[in-house]
Amino acid sequence: MSKTAAQYEIRVRGHLGQVMRTAFPEMQVDVDGDDTVLTGAMPDQAAVYGVLAAVESLGLELLEVRQVAAG
């Protein structure tokens, strides 16, 4: 049984500079007001936790994690 990757949005407080953006090469990075939204397809929960670990290690304030419909 093959499972497709799920699309996620991860919102953090503040704007990420170019150097911090490189920590998330598999994610699209967009600014939304005072926050940054990381969007991308993740094949499994381990990938989600990997991105969240990077958010934590960079000292970013996590605001929201949500799975969204692809497209």
PDB file of N, CA and C in Angstrom:
ATOM      1  N   MET A   1       0.848  -1.179   0.000  1.00  0.00           N
ATOM      2  CA  MET A   1       0.000   0.000   0.000  1.00  0.00           C
ATOM      3  C   MET A   1       0.896   1.245   0.000  1.00  0.00           C
ATOM      4  N   SER A   2       0.778   2.051  -1.029  1.00  0.00           N
ATOM      5  CA  SER A   2       1.606   3.246  -1.174  1.00  0.00           C
ATOM      6  C   SER A   2       0.874   4.459  -0.610  1.00  0.00           C
ATOM      7  N   LYS A   3       1.580   5.240   0.177  1.00  0.00           N
ATOM      8  CA  LYS A   3       0.993   6.441   0.769  1.00  0.00           C
ATOM      9  C   LYS A   3       1.659   7.665   0.150  1.00  0.00           C
ATOM     10  N   THR A   4       0.840   8.644  -0.230  1.00  0.00           N
ATOM     11  CA  THR A   4       1.397   9.865  -0.810  1.00  0.00           C
ATOM     12  C   THR A   4       1.787  10.828   0.301  1.00  0.00           C
ATOM     13  N   ALA A   5       2.675  11.721  -0.028  1.00  0.00           N
ATOM     14  CA  ALA A   5       3.135  12.720   0.943  1.00  0.00           C
ATOM     15  C   ALA A   5       1.995  13.675   1.274  1.00  0.00           C
ATOM     16  N   ALA A   6       1.941  14.084   2.518  1.00  0.00           N
ATOM     17  CA  ALA A   6       0.935  15.050   2.970  1.00  0.00           C
ATOM     18  C   ALA A   6       1.533  16.447   2.923  1.00  0.00           C
ATOM     19  N   GLN A   7       0.708  17.423   2.613  1.00  0.00           N
ATOM     20  CA  GLN A   7       1.113  18.827   2.548  1.00  0.00           C
ATOM     21  C   GLN A   7       0.949  19.448   3.939  1.00  0.00           C
ATOM     22  N   TYR A   8       1.967  20.163   4.391  1.00  0.00           N
ATOM     23  CA  TYR A   8       1.926  20.812   5.702  1.00  0.00           C
ATOM     24  C   TYR A   8       2.258  22.284   5.595  1.00  0.00           C
ATOM     25  N   GLU A   9       1.692  23.065   6.515  1.00  0.00           N
ATOM     26  CA  GLU A   9       2.076  24.460   6.731  1.00  0.00           C
ATOM     27  C   GLU A   9       2.565  24.576   8.163  1.00  0.00           C
ATOM     28  N   ILE A  10       3.735  25.165   8.316  1.00  0.00           N
ATOM     29  CA  ILE A  10       4.322  25.377   9.638  1.00  0.00           C
ATOM     30  C   ILE A  10       4.577  26.874   9.770  1.00  0.00           C
ATOM     31  N   ARG A  11       3.923  27.483  10.740  1.00  0.00           N
ATOM     32  CA  ARG A  11       4.012  28.936  10.933  1.00  0.00           C
ATOM     33  C   ARG A  11       4.919  29.238  12.122  1.00  0.00           C
ATOM     34  N   VAL A  12       5.867  30.147  11.907  1.00  0.00           N
ATOM     35  CA  VAL A  12       6.763  30.596  12.975  1.00  0.00           C
ATOM     36  C   VAL A  12       6.705  32.117  13.064  1.00  0.00           C
ATOM     37  N   ARG A  13       6.999  32.641  14.242  1.00  0.00           N
ATOM     38  CA  ARG A  13       6.974  34.096  14.451  1.00  0.00           C
ATOM     39  C   ARG A  13       8.220  34.729  13.844  1.00  0.00           C
ATOM     40  N   GLY A  14       8.020  35.859  13.189  1.00  0.00           N
ATOM     41  CA  GLY A  14       9.138  36.624  12.642  1.00  0.00           C
ATOM     42  C   GLY A  14       9.432  36.276  11.199  1.00  0.00           C
ATOM     43  N   HIS A  15      10.374  37.012  10.638  1.00  0.00           N
ATOM     44  CA  HIS A  15      10.797  36.798   9.253  1.00  0.00           C
ATOM     45  C   HIS A  15      12.141  36.085   9.259  1.00  0.00           C
ATOM     46  N   LEU A  16      12.257  35.044   8.459  1.00  0.00           N
ATOM     47  CA  LEU A  16      13.514  34.300   8.382  1.00  0.00           C
ATOM     48  C   LEU A  16      14.431  34.946   7.351  1.00  0.00           C
ATOM     49  N   GLY A  17      15.672  35.157   7.740  1.00  0.00           N
ATOM     50  CA  GLY A  17      16.673  35.661   6.804  1.00  0.00           C
ATOM     51  C   GLY A  17      17.098  34.552   5.856  1.00  0.00           C
ATOM     52  N   GLN A  18      17.879  34.904   4.863  1.00  0.00           N
ATOM     53  CA  GLN A  18      18.302  33.949   3.843  1.00  0.00           C
ATOM     54  C   GLN A  18      19.073  32.774   4.437  1.00  0.00           C
ATOM     55  N   VAL A  19      19.905  33.023   5.418  1.00  0.00           N
ATOM     56  CA  VAL A  19      20.691  31.935   6.028  1.00  0.00           C
ATOM     57  C   VAL A  19      19.766  30.940   6.726  1.00  0.00           C
ATOM     58  N   MET A  20      18.779  31.435   7.480  1.00  0.00           N
ATOM     59  CA  MET A  20      17.852  30.526   8.164  1.00  0.00           C
ATOM     60  C   MET A  20      16.977  29.770   7.179  1.00  0.00           C
ATOM     61  N   ARG A  21      16.662  30.397   6.065  1.00  0.00           N
ATOM     62  CA  ARG A  21      15.841  29.714   5.062  1.00  0.00           C
ATOM     63  C   ARG A  21      16.540  28.475   4.519  1.00  0.00           C
ATOM     64  N   THR A  22      17.870  28.494   4.479  1.00  0.00           N
ATOM     65  CA  THR A  22      18.604  27.343   3.957  1.00  0.00           C
ATOM     66  C   THR A  22      18.461  26.111   4.844  1.00  0.00           C
ATOM     67  N   ALA A  23      17.985  26.288   6.073  1.00  0.00           N
ATOM     68  CA  ALA A  23      17.754  25.146   6.963  1.00  0.00           C
ATOM     69  C   ALA A  23      16.534  24.336   6.537  1.00  0.00           C
ATOM     70  N   PHE A  24      15.743  24.891   5.598  1.00  0.00           N
ATOM     71  CA  PHE A  24      14.511  24.236   5.163  1.00  0.00           C
ATOM     72  C   PHE A  24      14.468  24.121   3.635  1.00  0.00           C
ATOM     73  N   PRO A  25      15.432  23.411   3.036  1.00  0.00           N
ATOM     74  CA  PRO A  25      15.524  23.387   1.574  1.00  0.00           C
ATOM     75  C   PRO A  25      14.322  22.735   0.893  1.00  0.00           C
ATOM     76  N   GLU A  26      13.636  21.847   1.587  1.00  0.00           N
ATOM     77  CA  GLU A  26      12.499  21.147   0.996  1.00  0.00           C
ATOM     78  C   GLU A  26      11.180  21.915   1.153  1.00  0.00           C
ATOM     79  N   MET A  27      11.236  23.073   1.793  1.00  0.00           N
ATOM     80  CA  MET A  27      10.032  23.840   2.091  1.00  0.00           C
ATOM     81  C   MET A  27       9.991  25.141   1.289  1.00  0.00           C
ATOM     82  N   GLN A  28       8.777  25.543   0.905  1.00  0.00           N
ATOM     83  CA  GLN A  28       8.570  26.879   0.350  1.00  0.00           C
ATOM     84  C   GLN A  28       8.450  27.816   1.536  1.00  0.00           C
ATOM     85  N   VAL A  29       9.102  28.965   1.479  1.00  0.00           N
ATOM     86  CA  VAL A  29       9.104  29.924   2.593  1.00  0.00           C
ATOM     87  C   VAL A  29       8.409  31.206   2.143  1.00  0.00           C
ATOM     88  N   ASP A  30       7.328  31.559   2.849  1.00  0.00           N
ATOM     89  CA  ASP A  30       6.570  32.768   2.525  1.00  0.00           C
ATOM     90  C   ASP A  30       6.383  33.607   3.778  1.00  0.00           C
ATOM     91  N   VAL A  31       6.358  34.925   3.594  1.00  0.00           N
ATOM     92  CA  VAL A  31       6.084  35.852   4.685  1.00  0.00           C
ATOM     93  C   VAL A  31       4.590  36.137   4.696  1.00  0.00           C
ATOM     94  N   ASP A  32       3.990  36.100   5.873  1.00  0.00           N
ATOM     95  CA  ASP A  32       2.573  36.422   6.049  1.00  0.00           C
ATOM     96  C   ASP A  32       2.459  37.362   7.243  1.00  0.00           C
ATOM     97  N   GLY A  33       2.399  38.649   6.976  1.00  0.00           N
ATOM     98  CA  GLY A  33       2.368  39.633   8.055  1.00  0.00           C
ATOM     99  C   GLY A  33       3.682  39.608   8.812  1.00  0.00           C
ATOM    100  N   ASP A  34       3.607  39.390  10.116  1.00  0.00           N
ATOM    101  CA  ASP A  34       4.806  39.337  10.961  1.00  0.00           C
ATOM    102  C   ASP A  34       5.374  37.928  11.088  1.00  0.00           C
ATOM    103  N   ASP A  35       4.780  36.965  10.404  1.00  0.00           N
ATOM    104  CA  ASP A  35       5.168  35.562  10.543  1.00  0.00           C
ATOM    105  C   ASP A  35       5.750  35.015   9.255  1.00  0.00           C
ATOM    106  N   THR A  36       6.370  33.839   9.361  1.00  0.00           N
ATOM    107  CA  THR A  36       6.857  33.106   8.199  1.00  0.00           C
ATOM    108  C   THR A  36       6.121  31.784   8.149  1.00  0.00           C
ATOM    109  N   VAL A  37       5.693  31.396   6.945  1.00  0.00           N
ATOM    110  CA  VAL A  37       4.986  30.131   6.752  1.00  0.00           C
ATOM    111  C   VAL A  37       5.846  29.231   5.874  1.00  0.00           C
ATOM    112  N   LEU A  38       6.173  28.062   6.411  1.00  0.00           N
ATOM    113  CA  LEU A  38       6.916  27.041   5.675  1.00  0.00           C
ATOM    114  C   LEU A  38       5.891  26.054   5.140  1.00  0.00           C
ATOM    115  N   THR A  39       5.902  25.794   3.838  1.00  0.00           N
ATOM    116  CA  THR A  39       4.932  24.907   3.217  1.00  0.00           C
ATOM    117  C   THR A  39       5.661  23.851   2.406  1.00  0.00           C
ATOM    118  N   GLY A  40       5.199  22.615   2.534  1.00  0.00           N
ATOM    119  CA  GLY A  40       5.806  21.564   1.735  1.00  0.00           C
ATOM    120  C   GLY A  40       5.190  20.214   1.980  1.00  0.00           C
ATOM    121  N   ALA A  41       5.459  19.309   1.053  1.00  0.00           N
ATOM    122  CA  ALA A  41       4.986  17.934   1.166  1.00  0.00           C
ATOM    123  C   ALA A  41       5.971  17.133   2.013  1.00  0.00           C
ATOM    124  N   MET A  42       5.438  16.352   2.924  1.00  0.00           N
ATOM    125  CA  MET A  42       6.288  15.523   3.785  1.00  0.00           C
ATOM    126  C   MET A  42       5.790  14.088   3.715  1.00  0.00           C
ATOM    127  N   PRO A  43       6.709  13.155   3.470  1.00  0.00           N
ATOM    128  CA  PRO A  43       6.305  11.773   3.225  1.00  0.00           C
ATOM    129  C   PRO A  43       5.765  11.036   4.453  1.00  0.00           C
ATOM    130  N   ASP A  44       6.167  11.482   5.641  1.00  0.00           N
ATOM    131  CA  ASP A  44       5.728  10.794   6.854  1.00  0.00           C
ATOM    132  C   ASP A  44       5.928  11.699   8.068  1.00  0.00           C
ATOM    133  N   GLN A  45       5.482  11.210   9.225  1.00  0.00           N
ATOM    134  CA  GLN A  45       5.599  12.021  10.437  1.00  0.00           C
ATOM    135  C   GLN A  45       7.044  12.261  10.837  1.00  0.00           C
ATOM    136  N   ALA A  46       7.930  11.351  10.514  1.00  0.00           N
ATOM    137  CA  ALA A  46       9.340  11.554  10.839  1.00  0.00           C
ATOM    138  C   ALA A  46       9.870  12.814  10.141  1.00  0.00           C
ATOM    139  N   ALA A  47       9.429  13.053   8.916  1.00  0.00           N
ATOM    140  CA  ALA A  47       9.851  14.260   8.196  1.00  0.00           C
ATOM    141  C   ALA A  47       9.296  15.513   8.871  1.00  0.00           C
ATOM    142  N   VAL A  48       8.051  15.437   9.339  1.00  0.00           N
ATOM    143  CA  VAL A  48       7.449  16.573  10.053  1.00  0.00           C
ATOM    144  C   VAL A  48       8.256  16.869  11.313  1.00  0.00           C
ATOM    145  N   TYR A  49       8.549  15.831  12.080  1.00  0.00           N
ATOM    146  CA  TYR A  49       9.331  16.017  13.305  1.00  0.00           C
ATOM    147  C   TYR A  49      10.731  16.535  13.009  1.00  0.00           C
ATOM    148  N   GLY A  50      11.300  16.167  11.868  1.00  0.00           N
ATOM    149  CA  GLY A  50      12.609  16.685  11.483  1.00  0.00           C
ATOM    150  C   GLY A  50      12.578  18.196  11.262  1.00  0.00           C
ATOM    151  N   VAL A  51      11.531  18.668  10.586  1.00  0.00           N
ATOM    152  CA  VAL A  51      11.395  20.119  10.367  1.00  0.00           C
ATOM    153  C   VAL A  51      11.157  20.815  11.705  1.00  0.00           C
ATOM    154  N   LEU A  52      10.320  20.229  12.556  1.00  0.00           N
ATOM    155  CA  LEU A  52      10.061  20.833  13.866  1.00  0.00           C
ATOM    156  C   LEU A  52      11.328  20.876  14.718  1.00  0.00           C
ATOM    157  N   ALA A  53      12.172  19.861  14.608  1.00  0.00           N
ATOM    158  CA  ALA A  53      13.443  19.863  15.336  1.00  0.00           C
ATOM    159  C   ALA A  53      14.341  20.996  14.845  1.00  0.00           C
ATOM    160  N   ALA A  54      14.338  21.245  13.543  1.00  0.00           N
ATOM    161  CA  ALA A  54      15.128  22.354  12.996  1.00  0.00           C
ATOM    162  C   ALA A  54      14.589  23.688  13.494  1.00  0.00           C
ATOM    163  N   VAL A  55      13.255  23.829  13.543  1.00  0.00           N
ATOM    164  CA  VAL A  55      12.634  25.046  14.075  1.00  0.00           C
ATOM    165  C   VAL A  55      13.104  25.276  15.502  1.00  0.00           C
ATOM    166  N   GLU A  56      13.075  24.222  16.306  1.00  0.00           N
ATOM    167  CA  GLU A  56      13.492  24.339  17.708  1.00  0.00           C
ATOM    168  C   GLU A  56      14.981  24.655  17.826  1.00  0.00           C
ATOM    169  N   SER A  57      15.811  23.977  17.059  1.00  0.00           N
ATOM    170  CA  SER A  57      17.258  24.180  17.172  1.00  0.00           C
ATOM    171  C   SER A  57      17.672  25.588  16.749  1.00  0.00           C
ATOM    172  N   LEU A  58      16.890  26.213  15.876  1.00  0.00           N
ATOM    173  CA  LEU A  58      17.180  27.589  15.466  1.00  0.00           C
ATOM    174  C   LEU A  58      16.602  28.617  16.436  1.00  0.00           C
ATOM    175  N   GLY A  59      15.873  28.145  17.445  1.00  0.00           N
ATOM    176  CA  GLY A  59      15.305  29.057  18.439  1.00  0.00           C
ATOM    177  C   GLY A  59      14.097  29.826  17.929  1.00  0.00           C
ATOM    178  N   LEU A  60      13.422  29.284  16.907  1.00  0.00           N
ATOM    179  CA  LEU A  60      12.251  29.956  16.359  1.00  0.00           C
ATOM    180  C   LEU A  60      11.024  29.659  17.213  1.00  0.00           C
ATOM    181  N   GLU A  61      10.112  30.604  17.257  1.00  0.00           N
ATOM    182  CA  GLU A  61       8.872  30.410  18.019  1.00  0.00           C
ATOM    183  C   GLU A  61       7.825  29.776  17.100  1.00  0.00           C
ATOM    184  N   LEU A  62       7.470  28.531  17.395  1.00  0.00           N
ATOM    185  CA  LEU A  62       6.478  27.801  16.637  1.00  0.00           C
ATOM    186  C   LEU A  62       5.086  28.300  16.984  1.00  0.00           C
ATOM    187  N   LEU A  63       4.312  28.686  15.970  1.00  0.00           N
ATOM    188  CA  LEU A  63       2.958  29.191  16.198  1.00  0.00           C
ATOM    189  C   LEU A  63       1.887  28.170  15.799  1.00  0.00           C
ATOM    190  N   GLU A  64       2.133  27.430  14.717  1.00  0.00           N
ATOM    191  CA  GLU A  64       1.097  26.535  14.222  1.00  0.00           C
ATOM    192  C   GLU A  64       1.694  25.483  13.294  1.00  0.00           C
ATOM    193  N   VAL A  65       1.148  24.272  13.365  1.00  0.00           N
ATOM    194  CA  VAL A  65       1.462  23.207  12.429  1.00  0.00           C
ATOM    195  C   VAL A  65       0.122  22.657  11.967  1.00  0.00           C
ATOM    196  N   ARG A  66      -0.052  22.594  10.641  1.00  0.00           N
ATOM    197  CA  ARG A  66      -1.299  22.018  10.170  1.00  0.00           C
ATOM    198  C   ARG A  66      -1.115  21.312   8.848  1.00  0.00           C
ATOM    199  N   GLN A  67      -1.868  20.242   8.702  1.00  0.00           N
ATOM    200  CA  GLN A  67      -1.891  19.509   7.434  1.00  0.00           C
ATOM    201  C   GLN A  67      -2.960  20.165   6.572  1.00  0.00           C
ATOM    202  N   VAL A  68      -2.629  20.423   5.320  1.00  0.00           N
ATOM    203  CA  VAL A  68      -3.558  21.100   4.413  1.00  0.00           C
ATOM    204  C   VAL A  68      -3.790  20.236   3.170  1.00  0.00           C
ATOM    205  N   ALA A  69      -4.868  20.526   2.486  1.00  0.00           N
ATOM    206  CA  ALA A  69      -5.155  19.814   1.253  1.00  0.00           C
ATOM    207  C   ALA A  69      -4.124  20.158   0.188  1.00  0.00           C
ATOM    208  N   ALA A  70      -3.690  19.177  -0.540  1.00  0.00           N
ATOM    209  CA  ALA A  70      -2.708  19.403  -1.606  1.00  0.00           C
ATOM    210  C   ALA A  70      -3.349  20.207  -2.718  1.00  0.00           C
ATOM    211  N   GLY A  71      -2.507  20.983  -3.387  1.00  0.00           N
ATOM    212  CA  GLY A  71      -3.028  21.715  -4.535  1.00  0.00           C
ATOM    213  C   GLY A  71      -2.884  23.133  -4.319  1.00  0.00           C
TER     214      GLY A  71
END
